[in-house]
């Protein structure tokens, strides 16, 4: 999955777990430029880098920048999903002020705070 989509997923995961907003992408050493509303029933975040929304329900998000769906599931502080743009799964955790996301496309862990 591309770095902007990963950032949006990390932002949504943090919000769903009650973590104050993630604002930094450690892999890219830069601030995230994502903002929006995240509730259990409705998600609408805006990615300022790509000038697009990622919105919908957790089970059926749509990334307007990639023109593809993202499937997302939560189990406590753990999450998983599938990015239809890259055709790869992802998993992650939210704990101790960080979001850790593993992208199966790149086989790398990404960290956000």
PDB file of N, CA and C in Angstrom:
ATOM      1  N   UNK A   1       0.856  -1.170   0.000  1.00  0.00           N
ATOM      2  CA  UNK A   1       0.000   0.000   0.000  1.00  0.00           C
ATOM      3  C   UNK A   1       0.897   1.225   0.000  1.00  0.00           C
ATOM      4  N   UNK A   2       0.454   2.282  -0.622  1.00  0.00           N
ATOM      5  CA  UNK A   2       1.318   3.460  -0.691  1.00  0.00           C
ATOM      6  C   UNK A   2       1.391   4.164   0.664  1.00  0.00           C
ATOM      7  N   UNK A   3       2.393   5.003   0.825  1.00  0.00           N
ATOM      8  CA  UNK A   3       2.662   5.635   2.122  1.00  0.00           C
ATOM      9  C   UNK A   3       1.509   6.513   2.597  1.00  0.00           C
ATOM     10  N   UNK A   4       0.823   7.177   1.685  1.00  0.00           N
ATOM     11  CA  UNK A   4      -0.302   8.023   2.093  1.00  0.00           C
ATOM     12  C   UNK A   4      -1.469   7.193   2.608  1.00  0.00           C
ATOM     13  N   UNK A   5      -1.749   6.085   1.949  1.00  0.00           N
ATOM     14  CA  UNK A   5      -2.821   5.207   2.416  1.00  0.00           C
ATOM     15  C   UNK A   5      -2.465   4.639   3.774  1.00  0.00           C
ATOM     16  N   UNK A   6      -1.209   4.217   3.971  1.00  0.00           N
ATOM     17  CA  UNK A   6      -0.766   3.727   5.281  1.00  0.00           C
ATOM     18  C   UNK A   6      -0.985   4.783   6.356  1.00  0.00           C
ATOM     19  N   UNK A   7      -0.659   6.024   6.038  1.00  0.00           N
ATOM     20  CA  UNK A   7      -0.851   7.115   7.000  1.00  0.00           C
ATOM     21  C   UNK A   7      -2.313   7.291   7.376  1.00  0.00           C
ATOM     22  N   UNK A   8      -3.189   7.207   6.390  1.00  0.00           N
ATOM     23  CA  UNK A   8      -4.635   7.312   6.660  1.00  0.00           C
ATOM     24  C   UNK A   8      -5.107   6.149   7.522  1.00  0.00           C
ATOM     25  N   UNK A   9      -4.642   4.940   7.232  1.00  0.00           N
ATOM     26  CA  UNK A   9      -5.019   3.763   8.018  1.00  0.00           C
ATOM     27  C   UNK A   9      -4.527   3.926   9.456  1.00  0.00           C
ATOM     28  N   UNK A  10      -3.293   4.389   9.642  1.00  0.00           N
ATOM     29  CA  UNK A  10      -2.753   4.598  10.986  1.00  0.00           C
ATOM     30  C   UNK A  10      -3.566   5.654  11.742  1.00  0.00           C
ATOM     31  N   UNK A  11      -3.928   6.712  11.076  1.00  0.00           N
ATOM     32  CA  UNK A  11      -4.738   7.773  11.683  1.00  0.00           C
ATOM     33  C   UNK A  11      -6.080   7.211  12.150  1.00  0.00           C
ATOM     34  N   UNK A  12      -6.735   6.455  11.287  1.00  0.00           N
ATOM     35  CA  UNK A  12      -8.042   5.865  11.618  1.00  0.00           C
ATOM     36  C   UNK A  12      -7.900   4.887  12.781  1.00  0.00           C
ATOM     37  N   UNK A  13      -6.866   4.053  12.751  1.00  0.00           N
ATOM     38  CA  UNK A  13      -6.644   3.082  13.826  1.00  0.00           C
ATOM     39  C   UNK A  13      -6.447   3.786  15.162  1.00  0.00           C
ATOM     40  N   UNK A  14      -5.651   4.838  15.179  1.00  0.00           N
ATOM     41  CA  UNK A  14      -5.413   5.586  16.419  1.00  0.00           C
ATOM     42  C   UNK A  14      -6.707   6.182  16.957  1.00  0.00           C
ATOM     43  N   UNK A  15      -7.482   6.785  16.074  1.00  0.00           N
ATOM     44  CA  UNK A  15      -8.745   7.391  16.483  1.00  0.00           C
ATOM     45  C   UNK A  15      -9.724   6.338  17.019  1.00  0.00           C
ATOM     46  N   UNK A  16      -9.782   5.189  16.384  1.00  0.00           N
ATOM     47  CA  UNK A  16     -10.693   4.136  16.820  1.00  0.00           C
ATOM     48  C   UNK A  16     -10.334   3.609  18.207  1.00  0.00           C
ATOM     49  N   UNK A  17      -9.054   3.671  18.558  1.00  0.00           N
ATOM     50  CA  UNK A  17      -8.605   3.168  19.861  1.00  0.00           C
ATOM     51  C   UNK A  17      -8.492   4.267  20.907  1.00  0.00           C
ATOM     52  N   UNK A  18      -8.913   5.468  20.570  1.00  0.00           N
ATOM     53  CA  UNK A  18      -8.911   6.564  21.528  1.00  0.00           C
ATOM     54  C   UNK A  18      -7.553   7.208  21.756  1.00  0.00           C
ATOM     55  N   UNK A  19      -6.577   6.888  20.908  1.00  0.00           N
ATOM     56  CA  UNK A  19      -5.267   7.515  20.993  1.00  0.00           C
ATOM     57  C   UNK A  19      -5.381   8.915  20.414  1.00  0.00           C
ATOM     58  N   UNK A  20      -4.752   9.878  21.092  1.00  0.00           N
ATOM     59  CA  UNK A  20      -4.790  11.206  20.499  1.00  0.00           C
ATOM     60  C   UNK A  20      -4.171  11.116  19.110  1.00  0.00           C
ATOM     61  N   UNK A  21      -4.543  11.971  18.272  1.00  0.00           N
ATOM     62  CA  UNK A  21      -4.236  11.874  16.841  1.00  0.00           C
ATOM     63  C   UNK A  21      -2.769  11.595  16.555  1.00  0.00           C
ATOM     64  N   UNK A  22      -2.545  10.649  15.668  1.00  0.00           N
ATOM     65  CA  UNK A  22      -1.176  10.415  15.212  1.00  0.00           C
ATOM     66  C   UNK A  22      -0.820  11.517  14.233  1.00  0.00           C
ATOM     67  N   UNK A  23       0.369  12.046  14.377  1.00  0.00           N
ATOM     68  CA  UNK A  23       0.765  13.178  13.548  1.00  0.00           C
ATOM     69  C   UNK A  23       2.110  12.997  12.874  1.00  0.00           C
ATOM     70  N   UNK A  24       2.782  11.857  13.137  1.00  0.00           N
ATOM     71  CA  UNK A  24       4.136  11.706  12.606  1.00  0.00           C
ATOM     72  C   UNK A  24       4.356  10.316  12.036  1.00  0.00           C
ATOM     73  N   UNK A  25       4.912  10.273  10.832  1.00  0.00           N
ATOM     74  CA  UNK A  25       5.261   9.038  10.139  1.00  0.00           C
ATOM     75  C   UNK A  25       6.762   8.839  10.299  1.00  0.00           C
ATOM     76  N   UNK A  26       7.155   7.864  11.135  1.00  0.00           N
ATOM     77  CA  UNK A  26       8.577   7.654  11.414  1.00  0.00           C
ATOM     78  C   UNK A  26       9.336   7.118  10.204  1.00  0.00           C
ATOM     79  N   UNK A  27       8.706   6.329   9.356  1.00  0.00           N
ATOM     80  CA  UNK A  27       9.385   5.771   8.179  1.00  0.00           C
ATOM     81  C   UNK A  27       9.789   6.862   7.198  1.00  0.00           C
ATOM     82  N   UNK A  28       8.932   7.882   7.064  1.00  0.00           N
ATOM     83  CA  UNK A  28       9.219   8.964   6.128  1.00  0.00           C
ATOM     84  C   UNK A  28       9.837  10.176   6.810  1.00  0.00           C
ATOM     85  N   UNK A  29       9.917  10.107   8.158  1.00  0.00           N
ATOM     86  CA  UNK A  29      10.451  11.231   8.946  1.00  0.00           C
ATOM     87  C   UNK A  29       9.756  12.542   8.598  1.00  0.00           C
ATOM     88  N   UNK A  30       8.408  12.465   8.606  1.00  0.00           N
ATOM     89  CA  UNK A  30       7.649  13.682   8.301  1.00  0.00           C
ATOM     90  C   UNK A  30       6.285  13.654   8.988  1.00  0.00           C
ATOM     91  N   UNK A  31       5.731  14.814   9.106  1.00  0.00           N
ATOM     92  CA  UNK A  31       4.400  14.946   9.702  1.00  0.00           C
ATOM     93  C   UNK A  31       3.349  14.394   8.759  1.00  0.00           C
ATOM     94  N   UNK A  32       2.334  13.755   9.345  1.00  0.00           N
ATOM     95  CA  UNK A  32       1.179  13.322   8.552  1.00  0.00           C
ATOM     96  C   UNK A  32       0.305  14.526   8.278  1.00  0.00           C
ATOM     97  N   UNK A  33      -0.250  14.587   7.119  1.00  0.00           N
ATOM     98  CA  UNK A  33      -1.173  15.688   6.808  1.00  0.00           C
ATOM     99  C   UNK A  33      -2.558  15.089   6.563  1.00  0.00           C
ATOM    100  N   UNK A  34      -3.103  14.521   7.637  1.00  0.00           N
ATOM    101  CA  UNK A  34      -4.411  13.864   7.604  1.00  0.00           C
ATOM    102  C   UNK A  34      -5.245  14.424   8.748  1.00  0.00           C
ATOM    103  N   UNK A  35      -6.509  14.659   8.480  1.00  0.00           N
ATOM    104  CA  UNK A  35      -7.419  15.142   9.513  1.00  0.00           C
ATOM    105  C   UNK A  35      -8.823  14.665   9.182  1.00  0.00           C
ATOM    106  N   UNK A  36      -9.670  14.565  10.195  1.00  0.00           N
ATOM    107  CA  UNK A  36     -11.038  14.182   9.911  1.00  0.00           C
ATOM    108  C   UNK A  36     -11.773  13.624  11.102  1.00  0.00           C
ATOM    109  N   UNK A  37     -12.902  13.005  10.807  1.00  0.00           N
ATOM    110  CA  UNK A  37     -13.794  12.456  11.814  1.00  0.00           C
ATOM    111  C   UNK A  37     -13.793  10.941  11.732  1.00  0.00           C
ATOM    112  N   UNK A  38     -13.616  10.298  12.895  1.00  0.00           N
ATOM    113  CA  UNK A  38     -13.610   8.837  12.952  1.00  0.00           C
ATOM    114  C   UNK A  38     -14.500   8.394  14.102  1.00  0.00           C
ATOM    115  N   UNK A  39     -15.584   7.702  13.767  1.00  0.00           N
ATOM    116  CA  UNK A  39     -16.447   7.082  14.759  1.00  0.00           C
ATOM    117  C   UNK A  39     -16.682   5.642  14.318  1.00  0.00           C
ATOM    118  N   UNK A  40     -17.255   4.846  15.195  1.00  0.00           N
ATOM    119  CA  UNK A  40     -17.495   3.438  14.856  1.00  0.00           C
ATOM    120  C   UNK A  40     -18.386   3.296  13.625  1.00  0.00           C
ATOM    121  N   UNK A  41     -19.318   4.242  13.422  1.00  0.00           N
ATOM    122  CA  UNK A  41     -20.256   4.128  12.314  1.00  0.00           C
ATOM    123  C   UNK A  41     -19.901   4.915  11.078  1.00  0.00           C
ATOM    124  N   UNK A  42     -18.993   5.893  11.201  1.00  0.00           N
ATOM    125  CA  UNK A  42     -18.709   6.754  10.061  1.00  0.00           C
ATOM    126  C   UNK A  42     -17.272   7.261  10.112  1.00  0.00           C
ATOM    127  N   UNK A  43     -16.613   7.164   8.992  1.00  0.00           N
ATOM    128  CA  UNK A  43     -15.238   7.647   8.876  1.00  0.00           C
ATOM    129  C   UNK A  43     -15.174   8.593   7.687  1.00  0.00           C
ATOM    130  N   UNK A  44     -14.585   9.759   7.929  1.00  0.00           N
ATOM    131  CA  UNK A  44     -14.362  10.715   6.853  1.00  0.00           C
ATOM    132  C   UNK A  44     -13.087  11.484   7.171  1.00  0.00           C
ATOM    133  N   UNK A  45     -11.976  11.036   6.597  1.00  0.00           N
ATOM    134  CA  UNK A  45     -10.708  11.720   6.799  1.00  0.00           C
ATOM    135  C   UNK A  45     -10.238  12.296   5.467  1.00  0.00           C
ATOM    136  N   UNK A  46      -9.442  13.342   5.581  1.00  0.00           N
ATOM    137  CA  UNK A  46      -8.933  14.017   4.393  1.00  0.00           C
ATOM    138  C   UNK A  46      -7.420  13.953   4.395  1.00  0.00           C
ATOM    139  N   UNK A  47      -6.853  13.505   3.293  1.00  0.00           N
ATOM    140  CA  UNK A  47      -5.414  13.426   3.099  1.00  0.00           C
ATOM    141  C   UNK A  47      -4.998  14.667   2.305  1.00  0.00           C
ATOM    142  N   UNK A  48      -4.357  15.624   2.980  1.00  0.00           N
ATOM    143  CA  UNK A  48      -3.982  16.880   2.350  1.00  0.00           C
ATOM    144  C   UNK A  48      -2.875  16.708   1.308  1.00  0.00           C
ATOM    145  N   UNK A  49      -2.012  15.687   1.485  1.00  0.00           N
ATOM    146  CA  UNK A  49      -0.954  15.453   0.490  1.00  0.00           C
ATOM    147  C   UNK A  49      -1.532  15.071  -0.865  1.00  0.00           C
ATOM    148  N   UNK A  50      -2.592  14.267  -0.853  1.00  0.00           N
ATOM    149  CA  UNK A  50      -3.192  13.801  -2.115  1.00  0.00           C
ATOM    150  C   UNK A  50      -4.460  14.564  -2.478  1.00  0.00           C
ATOM    151  N   UNK A  51      -4.910  15.453  -1.602  1.00  0.00           N
ATOM    152  CA  UNK A  51      -6.148  16.217  -1.807  1.00  0.00           C
ATOM    153  C   UNK A  51      -7.332  15.293  -2.058  1.00  0.00           C
ATOM    154  N   UNK A  52      -7.509  14.317  -1.141  1.00  0.00           N
ATOM    155  CA  UNK A  52      -8.609  13.376  -1.310  1.00  0.00           C
ATOM    156  C   UNK A  52      -9.117  12.866   0.043  1.00  0.00           C
ATOM    157  N   UNK A  53     -10.319  12.327   0.015  1.00  0.00           N
ATOM    158  CA  UNK A  53     -10.941  11.736   1.196  1.00  0.00           C
ATOM    159  C   UNK A  53     -10.724  10.231   1.232  1.00  0.00           C
ATOM    160  N   UNK A  54     -10.746   9.698   2.441  1.00  0.00           N
ATOM    161  CA  UNK A  54     -10.904   8.271   2.695  1.00  0.00           C
ATOM    162  C   UNK A  54     -12.119   8.211   3.600  1.00  0.00           C
ATOM    163  N   UNK A  55     -13.190   7.592   3.129  1.00  0.00           N
ATOM    164  CA  UNK A  55     -14.428   7.647   3.901  1.00  0.00           C
ATOM    165  C   UNK A  55     -15.263   6.389   3.730  1.00  0.00           C
ATOM    166  N   UNK A  56     -16.245   6.267   4.617  1.00  0.00           N
ATOM    167  CA  UNK A  56     -17.159   5.133   4.610  1.00  0.00           C
ATOM    168  C   UNK A  56     -17.281   4.542   5.993  1.00  0.00           C
ATOM    169  N   UNK A  57     -17.617   3.260   6.049  1.00  0.00           N
ATOM    170  CA  UNK A  57     -17.677   2.548   7.321  1.00  0.00           C
ATOM    171  C   UNK A  57     -16.389   1.740   7.458  1.00  0.00           C
ATOM    172  N   UNK A  58     -16.099   1.271   8.666  1.00  0.00           N
ATOM    173  CA  UNK A  58     -14.882   0.491   8.867  1.00  0.00           C
ATOM    174  C   UNK A  58     -14.777  -0.682   7.910  1.00  0.00           C
ATOM    175  N   UNK A  59     -15.874  -1.393   7.751  1.00  0.00           N
ATOM    176  CA  UNK A  59     -15.864  -2.581   6.913  1.00  0.00           C
ATOM    177  C   UNK A  59     -15.766  -2.251   5.424  1.00  0.00           C
ATOM    178  N   UNK A  60     -16.045  -0.997   5.064  1.00  0.00           N
ATOM    179  CA  UNK A  60     -16.116  -0.647   3.653  1.00  0.00           C
ATOM    180  C   UNK A  60     -15.657   0.794   3.436  1.00  0.00           C
ATOM    181  N   UNK A  61     -14.356   1.016   3.627  1.00  0.00           N
ATOM    182  CA  UNK A  61     -13.789   2.334   3.371  1.00  0.00           C
ATOM    183  C   UNK A  61     -13.493   2.491   1.888  1.00  0.00           C
ATOM    184  N   UNK A  62     -13.500   3.721   1.425  1.00  0.00           N
ATOM    185  CA  UNK A  62     -13.125   3.987   0.047  1.00  0.00           C
ATOM    186  C   UNK A  62     -12.052   5.063   0.032  1.00  0.00           C
ATOM    187  N   UNK A  63     -10.933   4.774  -0.604  1.00  0.00           N
ATOM    188  CA  UNK A  63      -9.828   5.708  -0.758  1.00  0.00           C
ATOM    189  C   UNK A  63      -9.994   6.384  -2.119  1.00  0.00           C
ATOM    190  N   UNK A  64     -10.437   7.634  -2.108  1.00  0.00           N
ATOM    191  CA  UNK A  64     -10.707   8.345  -3.351  1.00  0.00           C
ATOM    192  C   UNK A  64      -9.430   8.675  -4.113  1.00  0.00           C
ATOM    193  N   UNK A  65      -8.283   8.715  -3.439  1.00  0.00           N
ATOM    194  CA  UNK A  65      -7.020   8.956  -4.124  1.00  0.00           C
ATOM    195  C   UNK A  65      -6.595   7.766  -4.955  1.00  0.00           C
ATOM    196  N   UNK A  66      -6.790   6.576  -4.430  1.00  0.00           N
ATOM    197  CA  UNK A  66      -6.432   5.343  -5.153  1.00  0.00           C
ATOM    198  C   UNK A  66      -7.598   4.772  -5.947  1.00  0.00           C
ATOM    199  N   UNK A  67      -8.778   5.329  -5.718  1.00  0.00           N
ATOM    200  CA  UNK A  67     -10.003   4.822  -6.354  1.00  0.00           C
ATOM    201  C   UNK A  67     -10.183   3.329  -6.058  1.00  0.00           C
ATOM    202  N   UNK A  68     -10.031   2.996  -4.746  1.00  0.00           N
ATOM    203  CA  UNK A  68     -10.126   1.592  -4.336  1.00  0.00           C
ATOM    204  C   UNK A  68     -10.632   1.492  -2.898  1.00  0.00           C
ATOM    205  N   UNK A  69     -11.244   0.376  -2.600  1.00  0.00           N
ATOM    206  CA  UNK A  69     -11.753   0.111  -1.262  1.00  0.00           C
ATOM    207  C   UNK A  69     -10.639  -0.357  -0.333  1.00  0.00           C
ATOM    208  N   UNK A  70     -10.872  -0.155   0.956  1.00  0.00           N
ATOM    209  CA  UNK A  70     -10.005  -0.672   2.007  1.00  0.00           C
ATOM    210  C   UNK A  70     -10.912  -1.385   2.996  1.00  0.00           C
ATOM    211  N   UNK A  71     -10.637  -2.626   3.263  1.00  0.00           N
ATOM    212  CA  UNK A  71     -11.377  -3.390   4.259  1.00  0.00           C
ATOM    213  C   UNK A  71     -10.613  -3.267   5.573  1.00  0.00           C
ATOM    214  N   UNK A  72     -11.339  -3.052   6.684  1.00  0.00           N
ATOM    215  CA  UNK A  72     -10.705  -2.751   7.961  1.00  0.00           C
ATOM    216  C   UNK A  72     -11.470  -3.481   9.055  1.00  0.00           C
ATOM    217  N   UNK A  73     -10.773  -4.108   9.997  1.00  0.00           N
ATOM    218  CA  UNK A  73     -11.420  -4.786  11.123  1.00  0.00           C
ATOM    219  C   UNK A  73     -10.627  -4.519  12.397  1.00  0.00           C
ATOM    220  N   UNK A  74     -11.334  -4.400  13.519  1.00  0.00           N
ATOM    221  CA  UNK A  74     -10.711  -4.142  14.818  1.00  0.00           C
ATOM    222  C   UNK A  74     -11.014  -5.244  15.799  1.00  0.00           C
ATOM    223  N   UNK A  75     -10.040  -5.529  16.659  1.00  0.00           N
ATOM    224  CA  UNK A  75     -10.213  -6.442  17.780  1.00  0.00           C
ATOM    225  C   UNK A  75      -9.418  -5.863  18.942  1.00  0.00           C
ATOM    226  N   UNK A  76     -10.064  -5.034  19.749  1.00  0.00           N
ATOM    227  CA  UNK A  76      -9.361  -4.345  20.828  1.00  0.00           C
ATOM    228  C   UNK A  76      -8.379  -3.345  20.267  1.00  0.00           C
ATOM    229  N   UNK A  77      -7.098  -3.527  20.619  1.00  0.00           N
ATOM    230  CA  UNK A  77      -6.063  -2.624  20.125  1.00  0.00           C
ATOM    231  C   UNK A  77      -5.369  -3.169  18.872  1.00  0.00           C
ATOM    232  N   UNK A  78      -5.875  -4.274  18.341  1.00  0.00           N
ATOM    233  CA  UNK A  78      -5.307  -4.854  17.123  1.00  0.00           C
ATOM    234  C   UNK A  78      -6.242  -4.574  15.956  1.00  0.00           C
ATOM    235  N   UNK A  79      -5.660  -4.424  14.777  1.00  0.00           N
ATOM    236  CA  UNK A  79      -6.471  -4.219  13.585  1.00  0.00           C
ATOM    237  C   UNK A  79      -5.864  -4.979  12.422  1.00  0.00           C
ATOM    238  N   UNK A  80      -6.670  -5.193  11.407  1.00  0.00           N
ATOM    239  CA  UNK A  80      -6.213  -5.864  10.194  1.00  0.00           C
ATOM    240  C   UNK A  80      -7.091  -5.409   9.046  1.00  0.00           C
ATOM    241  N   UNK A  81      -6.652  -5.710   7.841  1.00  0.00           N
ATOM    242  CA  UNK A  81      -7.457  -5.320   6.702  1.00  0.00           C
ATOM    243  C   UNK A  81      -6.820  -5.688   5.384  1.00  0.00           C
ATOM    244  N   UNK A  82      -7.448  -5.182   4.342  1.00  0.00           N
ATOM    245  CA  UNK A  82      -7.012  -5.474   2.979  1.00  0.00           C
ATOM    246  C   UNK A  82      -7.148  -4.209   2.149  1.00  0.00           C
ATOM    247  N   UNK A  83      -6.076  -3.866   1.441  1.00  0.00           N
ATOM    248  CA  UNK A  83      -6.060  -2.707   0.555  1.00  0.00           C
ATOM    249  C   UNK A  83      -6.266  -3.199  -0.873  1.00  0.00           C
ATOM    250  N   UNK A  84      -7.417  -2.877  -1.446  1.00  0.00           N
ATOM    251  CA  UNK A  84      -7.735  -3.361  -2.793  1.00  0.00           C
ATOM    252  C   UNK A  84      -6.898  -2.694  -3.879  1.00  0.00           C
ATOM    253  N   UNK A  85      -6.301  -1.546  -3.595  1.00  0.00           N
ATOM    254  CA  UNK A  85      -5.434  -0.902  -4.588  1.00  0.00           C
ATOM    255  C   UNK A  85      -4.141  -1.698  -4.760  1.00  0.00           C
ATOM    256  N   UNK A  86      -3.525  -2.086  -3.655  1.00  0.00           N
ATOM    257  CA  UNK A  86      -2.273  -2.839  -3.734  1.00  0.00           C
ATOM    258  C   UNK A  86      -2.499  -4.344  -3.807  1.00  0.00           C
ATOM    259  N   UNK A  87      -3.704  -4.765  -3.416  1.00  0.00           N
ATOM    260  CA  UNK A  87      -4.070  -6.184  -3.365  1.00  0.00           C
ATOM    261  C   UNK A  87      -3.261  -6.949  -2.302  1.00  0.00           C
ATOM    262  N   UNK A  88      -3.000  -6.260  -1.167  1.00  0.00           N
ATOM    263  CA  UNK A  88      -2.276  -6.867  -0.062  1.00  0.00           C
ATOM    264  C   UNK A  88      -2.968  -6.580   1.260  1.00  0.00           C
ATOM    265  N   UNK A  89      -2.740  -7.486   2.214  1.00  0.00           N
ATOM    266  CA  UNK A  89      -3.261  -7.339   3.570  1.00  0.00           C
ATOM    267  C   UNK A  89      -2.346  -6.448   4.396  1.00  0.00           C
ATOM    268  N   UNK A  90      -2.883  -5.993   5.533  1.00  0.00           N
ATOM    269  CA  UNK A  90      -2.088  -5.274   6.521  1.00  0.00           C
ATOM    270  C   UNK A  90      -2.606  -5.666   7.908  1.00  0.00           C
ATOM    271  N   UNK A  91      -1.755  -5.549   8.912  1.00  0.00           N
ATOM    272  CA  UNK A  91      -2.139  -5.773  10.299  1.00  0.00           C
ATOM    273  C   UNK A  91      -1.460  -4.713  11.145  1.00  0.00           C
ATOM    274  N   UNK A  92      -1.921  -4.569  12.381  1.00  0.00           N
ATOM    275  CA  UNK A  92      -1.274  -3.592  13.240  1.00  0.00           C
ATOM    276  C   UNK A  92      -1.794  -3.590  14.653  1.00  0.00           C
ATOM    277  N   UNK A  93      -1.151  -2.764  15.473  1.00  0.00           N
ATOM    278  CA  UNK A  93      -1.551  -2.581  16.863  1.00  0.00           C
ATOM    279  C   UNK A  93      -1.484  -1.100  17.217  1.00  0.00           C
ATOM    280  N   UNK A  94      -2.280  -0.742  18.218  1.00  0.00           N
ATOM    281  CA  UNK A  94      -2.252   0.605  18.767  1.00  0.00           C
ATOM    282  C   UNK A  94      -1.943   0.448  20.250  1.00  0.00           C
ATOM    283  N   UNK A  95      -0.784   0.929  20.677  1.00  0.00           N
ATOM    284  CA  UNK A  95      -0.420   0.811  22.087  1.00  0.00           C
ATOM    285  C   UNK A  95       0.693   1.781  22.443  1.00  0.00           C
ATOM    286  N   UNK A  96       0.699   2.190  23.703  1.00  0.00           N
ATOM    287  CA  UNK A  96       1.743   3.052  24.271  1.00  0.00           C
ATOM    288  C   UNK A  96       1.994   4.307  23.442  1.00  0.00           C
ATOM    289  N   UNK A  97       0.929   4.886  22.891  1.00  0.00           N
ATOM    290  CA  UNK A  97       1.063   6.128  22.140  1.00  0.00           C
ATOM    291  C   UNK A  97       1.536   5.978  20.709  1.00  0.00           C
ATOM    292  N   UNK A  98       1.635   4.741  20.227  1.00  0.00           N
ATOM    293  CA  UNK A  98       2.111   4.489  18.866  1.00  0.00           C
ATOM    294  C   UNK A  98       1.146   3.594  18.107  1.00  0.00           C
ATOM    295  N   UNK A  99       1.180   3.738  16.786  1.00  0.00           N
ATOM    296  CA  UNK A  99       0.512   2.802  15.896  1.00  0.00           C
ATOM    297  C   UNK A  99       1.621   2.083  15.143  1.00  0.00           C
ATOM    298  N   UNK A 100       1.579   0.760  15.171  1.00  0.00           N
ATOM    299  CA  UNK A 100       2.516  -0.057  14.418  1.00  0.00           C
ATOM    300  C   UNK A 100       1.714  -0.785  13.347  1.00  0.00           C
ATOM    301  N   UNK A 101       2.098  -0.630  12.099  1.00  0.00           N
ATOM    302  CA  UNK A 101       1.368  -1.214  10.985  1.00  0.00           C
ATOM    303  C   UNK A 101       2.313  -2.079  10.159  1.00  0.00           C
ATOM    304  N   UNK A 102       1.931  -3.330   9.927  1.00  0.00           N
ATOM    305  CA  UNK A 102       2.713  -4.221   9.074  1.00  0.00           C
ATOM    306  C   UNK A 102       2.025  -4.320   7.722  1.00  0.00           C
ATOM    307  N   UNK A 103       2.764  -3.965   6.677  1.00  0.00           N
ATOM    308  CA  UNK A 103       2.247  -3.983   5.312  1.00  0.00           C
ATOM    309  C   UNK A 103       2.805  -5.222   4.606  1.00  0.00           C
ATOM    310  N   UNK A 104       1.922  -6.147   4.234  1.00  0.00           N
ATOM    311  CA  UNK A 104       2.354  -7.381   3.583  1.00  0.00           C
ATOM    312  C   UNK A 104       2.913  -7.156   2.180  1.00  0.00           C
ATOM    313  N   UNK A 105       2.619  -6.023   1.578  1.00  0.00           N
ATOM    314  CA  UNK A 105       3.185  -5.730   0.261  1.00  0.00           C
ATOM    315  C   UNK A 105       4.687  -5.494   0.359  1.00  0.00           C
ATOM    316  N   UNK A 106       5.099  -4.745   1.374  1.00  0.00           N
ATOM    317  CA  UNK A 106       6.511  -4.399   1.522  1.00  0.00           C
ATOM    318  C   UNK A 106       7.232  -5.280   2.540  1.00  0.00           C
ATOM    319  N   UNK A 107       6.462  -6.050   3.331  1.00  0.00           N
ATOM    320  CA  UNK A 107       7.020  -6.882   4.406  1.00  0.00           C
ATOM    321  C   UNK A 107       7.803  -6.045   5.410  1.00  0.00           C
ATOM    322  N   UNK A 108       7.248  -4.871   5.746  1.00  0.00           N
ATOM    323  CA  UNK A 108       7.900  -3.927   6.652  1.00  0.00           C
ATOM    324  C   UNK A 108       6.885  -3.451   7.686  1.00  0.00           C
ATOM    325  N   UNK A 109       7.383  -3.219   8.936  1.00  0.00           N
ATOM    326  CA  UNK A 109       6.582  -2.565   9.974  1.00  0.00           C
ATOM    327  C   UNK A 109       6.774  -1.056   9.859  1.00  0.00           C
ATOM    328  N   UNK A 110       5.688  -0.306   9.952  1.00  0.00           N
ATOM    329  CA  UNK A 110       5.724   1.145   9.915  1.00  0.00           C
ATOM    330  C   UNK A 110       5.201   1.659  11.245  1.00  0.00           C
ATOM    331  N   UNK A 111       5.807   2.740  11.740  1.00  0.00           N
ATOM    332  CA  UNK A 111       5.443   3.257  13.068  1.00  0.00           C
ATOM    333  C   UNK A 111       4.989   4.718  12.951  1.00  0.00           C
ATOM    334  N   UNK A 112       3.944   5.006  13.691  1.00  0.00           N
ATOM    335  CA  UNK A 112       3.347   6.356  13.700  1.00  0.00           C
ATOM    336  C   UNK A 112       3.139   6.786  15.149  1.00  0.00           C
ATOM    337  N   UNK A 113       3.324   8.070  15.411  1.00  0.00           N
ATOM    338  CA  UNK A 113       3.080   8.585  16.772  1.00  0.00           C
ATOM    339  C   UNK A 113       2.424   9.955  16.699  1.00  0.00           C
TER     340      UNK A 113
END
